Amino acid sequence: MQYKKILFVSTSDNCRGPWAAGIMMKNSDMQAESRGIISLFQEPANPKATAVAKSNGVDISEYMSRQLGFNDFSTDTLILTMSESMKKKIYEDFTEAENVYTVKEFVGETGDIDETYGGGLSEYGMQFEELERIVKKVIEKLQMK
């Protein structure tokens, strides 16, 4: 299946999701966005997340979080969550949900991309590097199809 849009889903859409979308757009010509499971109002990206992204060539300084909604699902949208629990919540909350995988599951790995909220810049940096590695594998897989 050829996807027209890739949607990365994280908890509050102010760190991991924007990172993943930014990494994908930096490394491919695919359209990528992010959403949050619990993003009740718009807020900017986490300042530590913004700093780490910038130091890695990804600009999320103008990003504002968005809530995952019914209109985000379609047959040509791939939804990649940061955790198995998010994936389950999406299938429980949205009857129209389809093409939902954890980001690691999609590339044949196991485990979650955990939150770093409250950690230091070094923890954010390590998480960014892990997510960048995974997103590059997502790009490779999608380009093979």
C-alpha atoms as a PDB file:
ATOM      1  CA  MET A   1       0.000   0.000   0.000  1.00  0.00           C
ATOM      2  CA  GLN A   2       1.217   3.469  -0.851  1.00  0.00           C
ATOM      3  CA  TYR A   3       0.516   5.958   1.939  1.00  0.00           C
ATOM      4  CA  LYS A   4      -0.015   9.628   1.157  1.00  0.00           C
ATOM      5  CA  LYS A   5       0.479  10.755   4.743  1.00  0.00           C
ATOM      6  CA  ILE A   6       2.356   9.468   7.766  1.00  0.00           C
ATOM      7  CA  LEU A   7       1.029  10.452  11.182  1.00  0.00           C
ATOM      8  CA  PHE A   8       3.180  10.003  14.290  1.00  0.00           C
ATOM      9  CA  VAL A   9       1.215   9.792  17.543  1.00  0.00           C
ATOM     10  CA  SER A  10       2.620  10.526  20.984  1.00  0.00           C
ATOM     11  CA  THR A  11       1.031  11.362  24.317  1.00  0.00           C
ATOM     12  CA  SER A  12       0.795  15.147  24.304  1.00  0.00           C
ATOM     13  CA  ASP A  13       2.323  15.863  20.879  1.00  0.00           C
ATOM     14  CA  ASN A  14       5.022  18.179  22.126  1.00  0.00           C
ATOM     15  CA  CYS A  15       8.194  16.079  21.765  1.00  0.00           C
ATOM     16  CA  ARG A  16       8.381  12.598  20.197  1.00  0.00           C
ATOM     17  CA  GLY A  17       5.672  13.087  17.555  1.00  0.00           C
ATOM     18  CA  PRO A  18       7.000  16.404  16.232  1.00  0.00           C
ATOM     19  CA  TRP A  19      10.527  14.980  16.289  1.00  0.00           C
ATOM     20  CA  ALA A  20       9.484  11.956  14.229  1.00  0.00           C
ATOM     21  CA  ALA A  21       7.582  14.059  11.683  1.00  0.00           C
ATOM     22  CA  GLY A  22      10.500  16.487  11.421  1.00  0.00           C
ATOM     23  CA  ILE A  23      13.027  13.677  11.006  1.00  0.00           C
ATOM     24  CA  MET A  24      10.906  12.114   8.259  1.00  0.00           C
ATOM     25  CA  MET A  25      10.506  15.360   6.354  1.00  0.00           C
ATOM     26  CA  LYS A  26      14.234  16.138   6.693  1.00  0.00           C
ATOM     27  CA  ASN A  27      15.195  12.723   5.273  1.00  0.00           C
ATOM     28  CA  SER A  28      12.503  12.150   2.613  1.00  0.00           C
ATOM     29  CA  ASP A  29       9.871  13.877   0.524  1.00  0.00           C
ATOM     30  CA  MET A  30       7.017  12.132   2.363  1.00  0.00           C
ATOM     31  CA  GLN A  31       4.313  14.149   4.078  1.00  0.00           C
ATOM     32  CA  ALA A  32       4.468  13.631   7.839  1.00  0.00           C
ATOM     33  CA  GLU A  33       2.556  15.158  10.724  1.00  0.00           C
ATOM     34  CA  SER A  34       2.070  14.411  14.386  1.00  0.00           C
ATOM     35  CA  ARG A  35      -0.826  14.257  16.834  1.00  0.00           C
ATOM     36  CA  GLY A  36      -1.364  13.621  20.509  1.00  0.00           C
ATOM     37  CA  ILE A  37      -3.567  11.169  22.352  1.00  0.00           C
ATOM     38  CA  ILE A  38      -3.982  13.707  25.170  1.00  0.00           C
ATOM     39  CA  SER A  39      -3.531  17.133  23.623  1.00  0.00           C
ATOM     40  CA  LEU A  40      -6.607  19.015  24.785  1.00  0.00           C
ATOM     41  CA  PHE A  41      -5.281  22.448  23.832  1.00  0.00           C
ATOM     42  CA  GLN A  42      -2.546  23.686  21.555  1.00  0.00           C
ATOM     43  CA  GLU A  43       0.843  24.207  23.141  1.00  0.00           C
ATOM     44  CA  PRO A  44       4.345  24.661  21.736  1.00  0.00           C
ATOM     45  CA  ALA A  45       6.907  21.888  21.624  1.00  0.00           C
ATOM     46  CA  ASN A  46       8.824  21.173  24.817  1.00  0.00           C
ATOM     47  CA  PRO A  47      11.798  23.593  25.051  1.00  0.00           C
ATOM     48  CA  LYS A  48      14.304  20.746  25.576  1.00  0.00           C
ATOM     49  CA  ALA A  49      12.806  18.877  22.619  1.00  0.00           C
ATOM     50  CA  THR A  50      13.100  22.018  20.495  1.00  0.00           C
ATOM     51  CA  ALA A  51      16.762  22.515  21.467  1.00  0.00           C
ATOM     52  CA  VAL A  52      17.717  18.896  20.778  1.00  0.00           C
ATOM     53  CA  ALA A  53      15.863  18.901  17.459  1.00  0.00           C
ATOM     54  CA  LYS A  54      17.579  22.115  16.375  1.00  0.00           C
ATOM     55  CA  SER A  55      21.006  20.724  17.254  1.00  0.00           C
ATOM     56  CA  ASN A  56      20.174  17.792  14.939  1.00  0.00           C
ATOM     57  CA  GLY A  57      18.972  19.934  12.025  1.00  0.00           C
ATOM     58  CA  VAL A  58      15.224  19.604  12.693  1.00  0.00           C
ATOM     59  CA  ASP A  59      13.250  22.791  13.357  1.00  0.00           C
ATOM     60  CA  ILE A  60      10.150  22.358  15.528  1.00  0.00           C
ATOM     61  CA  SER A  61      10.346  25.843  17.071  1.00  0.00           C
ATOM     62  CA  GLU A  62       7.022  26.941  15.555  1.00  0.00           C
ATOM     63  CA  TYR A  63       5.226  23.653  16.174  1.00  0.00           C
ATOM     64  CA  MET A  64       1.904  23.644  18.055  1.00  0.00           C
ATOM     65  CA  SER A  65       0.434  20.377  19.362  1.00  0.00           C
ATOM     66  CA  ARG A  66      -2.748  18.878  17.901  1.00  0.00           C
ATOM     67  CA  GLN A  67      -5.206  16.287  19.172  1.00  0.00           C
ATOM     68  CA  LEU A  68      -5.739  13.077  17.205  1.00  0.00           C
ATOM     69  CA  GLY A  69      -9.254  13.139  15.743  1.00  0.00           C
ATOM     70  CA  PHE A  70     -11.710  11.253  13.566  1.00  0.00           C
ATOM     71  CA  ASN A  71     -10.579  13.091  10.418  1.00  0.00           C
ATOM     72  CA  ASP A  72      -7.030  11.763  10.790  1.00  0.00           C
ATOM     73  CA  PHE A  73      -7.955   8.255   9.623  1.00  0.00           C
ATOM     74  CA  SER A  74      -8.088   7.131   5.997  1.00  0.00           C
ATOM     75  CA  THR A  75      -6.986   4.171   3.938  1.00  0.00           C
ATOM     76  CA  ASP A  76      -3.976   6.130   2.637  1.00  0.00           C
ATOM     77  CA  THR A  77      -2.761   7.364   6.052  1.00  0.00           C
ATOM     78  CA  LEU A  78      -0.239   5.394   8.072  1.00  0.00           C
ATOM     79  CA  ILE A  79      -0.444   5.988  11.819  1.00  0.00           C
ATOM     80  CA  LEU A  80       2.631   5.160  13.882  1.00  0.00           C
ATOM     81  CA  THR A  81       2.391   5.352  17.656  1.00  0.00           C
ATOM     82  CA  MET A  82       5.193   5.595  20.184  1.00  0.00           C
ATOM     83  CA  SER A  83       3.842   2.738  22.322  1.00  0.00           C
ATOM     84  CA  GLU A  84       1.682  -0.370  22.275  1.00  0.00           C
ATOM     85  CA  SER A  85      -0.698   1.212  24.801  1.00  0.00           C
ATOM     86  CA  MET A  86      -1.305   4.162  22.448  1.00  0.00           C
ATOM     87  CA  LYS A  87      -2.022   1.805  19.590  1.00  0.00           C
ATOM     88  CA  LYS A  88      -4.576  -0.066  21.724  1.00  0.00           C
ATOM     89  CA  LYS A  89      -6.186   3.197  22.882  1.00  0.00           C
ATOM     90  CA  ILE A  90      -6.601   4.365  19.290  1.00  0.00           C
ATOM     91  CA  TYR A  91      -8.336   1.135  18.288  1.00  0.00           C
ATOM     92  CA  GLU A  92     -10.562   1.387  21.382  1.00  0.00           C
ATOM     93  CA  ASP A  93     -11.487   5.055  20.898  1.00  0.00           C
ATOM     94  CA  PHE A  94     -11.820   5.284  17.112  1.00  0.00           C
ATOM     95  CA  THR A  95     -13.996   2.800  15.231  1.00  0.00           C
ATOM     96  CA  GLU A  96     -12.606   4.117  11.926  1.00  0.00           C
ATOM     97  CA  ALA A  97      -8.982   3.453  12.954  1.00  0.00           C
ATOM     98  CA  GLU A  98      -6.909   1.546  10.406  1.00  0.00           C
ATOM     99  CA  ASN A  99      -3.249   1.239   9.459  1.00  0.00           C
ATOM    100  CA  VAL A 100      -2.147   1.789  13.079  1.00  0.00           C
ATOM    101  CA  TYR A 101       1.155   0.298  14.247  1.00  0.00           C
ATOM    102  CA  THR A 102       3.746   1.139  16.833  1.00  0.00           C
ATOM    103  CA  VAL A 103       6.699   2.768  15.108  1.00  0.00           C
ATOM    104  CA  LYS A 104       8.992  -0.077  16.179  1.00  0.00           C
ATOM    105  CA  GLU A 105       6.488  -2.771  15.197  1.00  0.00           C
ATOM    106  CA  PHE A 106       6.279  -1.259  11.704  1.00  0.00           C
ATOM    107  CA  VAL A 107      10.016  -1.780  11.180  1.00  0.00           C
ATOM    108  CA  GLY A 108      10.128  -5.252  12.747  1.00  0.00           C
ATOM    109  CA  GLU A 109      11.381  -4.283  16.202  1.00  0.00           C
ATOM    110  CA  THR A 110       9.785  -4.614  19.631  1.00  0.00           C
ATOM    111  CA  GLY A 111       9.326  -2.153  22.457  1.00  0.00           C
ATOM    112  CA  ASP A 112       8.177   1.403  22.902  1.00  0.00           C
ATOM    113  CA  ILE A 113       9.727   4.829  22.431  1.00  0.00           C
ATOM    114  CA  ASP A 114       9.361   5.990  26.027  1.00  0.00           C
ATOM    115  CA  GLU A 115       8.725   9.531  27.204  1.00  0.00           C
ATOM    116  CA  THR A 116      11.667  11.593  28.399  1.00  0.00           C
ATOM    117  CA  TYR A 117       9.592  14.290  30.104  1.00  0.00           C
ATOM    118  CA  GLY A 118      11.525  15.711  33.035  1.00  0.00           C
ATOM    119  CA  GLY A 119      14.841  14.257  31.899  1.00  0.00           C
ATOM    120  CA  GLY A 120      17.981  16.181  31.131  1.00  0.00           C
ATOM    121  CA  LEU A 121      19.207  17.252  27.704  1.00  0.00           C
ATOM    122  CA  SER A 122      21.374  14.131  27.450  1.00  0.00           C
ATOM    123  CA  GLU A 123      18.297  11.882  27.879  1.00  0.00           C
ATOM    124  CA  TYR A 124      16.436  13.902  25.263  1.00  0.00           C
ATOM    125  CA  GLY A 125      19.450  13.605  22.965  1.00  0.00           C
ATOM    126  CA  MET A 126      19.634   9.821  23.339  1.00  0.00           C
ATOM    127  CA  GLN A 127      15.903   9.501  22.696  1.00  0.00           C
ATOM    128  CA  PHE A 128      16.161  11.700  19.602  1.00  0.00           C
ATOM    129  CA  GLU A 129      18.945   9.468  18.266  1.00  0.00           C
ATOM    130  CA  GLU A 130      16.868   6.333  18.840  1.00  0.00           C
ATOM    131  CA  LEU A 131      13.840   7.859  17.164  1.00  0.00           C
ATOM    132  CA  GLU A 132      15.940   9.081  14.252  1.00  0.00           C
ATOM    133  CA  ARG A 133      17.277   5.551  13.727  1.00  0.00           C
ATOM    134  CA  ILE A 134      13.749   4.114  13.748  1.00  0.00           C
ATOM    135  CA  VAL A 135      12.259   6.789  11.478  1.00  0.00           C
ATOM    136  CA  LYS A 136      15.029   6.228   8.939  1.00  0.00           C
ATOM    137  CA  LYS A 137      14.052   2.535   8.932  1.00  0.00           C
ATOM    138  CA  VAL A 138      10.407   3.574   8.381  1.00  0.00           C
ATOM    139  CA  ILE A 139      11.503   5.658   5.387  1.00  0.00           C
ATOM    140  CA  GLU A 140      13.505   2.745   3.946  1.00  0.00           C
ATOM    141  CA  LYS A 141      10.557   0.388   4.333  1.00  0.00           C
ATOM    142  CA  LEU A 142       8.112   2.809   2.711  1.00  0.00           C
ATOM    143  CA  GLN A 143      10.464   3.508  -0.188  1.00  0.00           C
ATOM    144  CA  MET A 144      10.722  -0.228  -0.930  1.00  0.00           C
ATOM    145  CA  LYS A 145       6.965  -0.492  -1.515  1.00  0.00           C
END
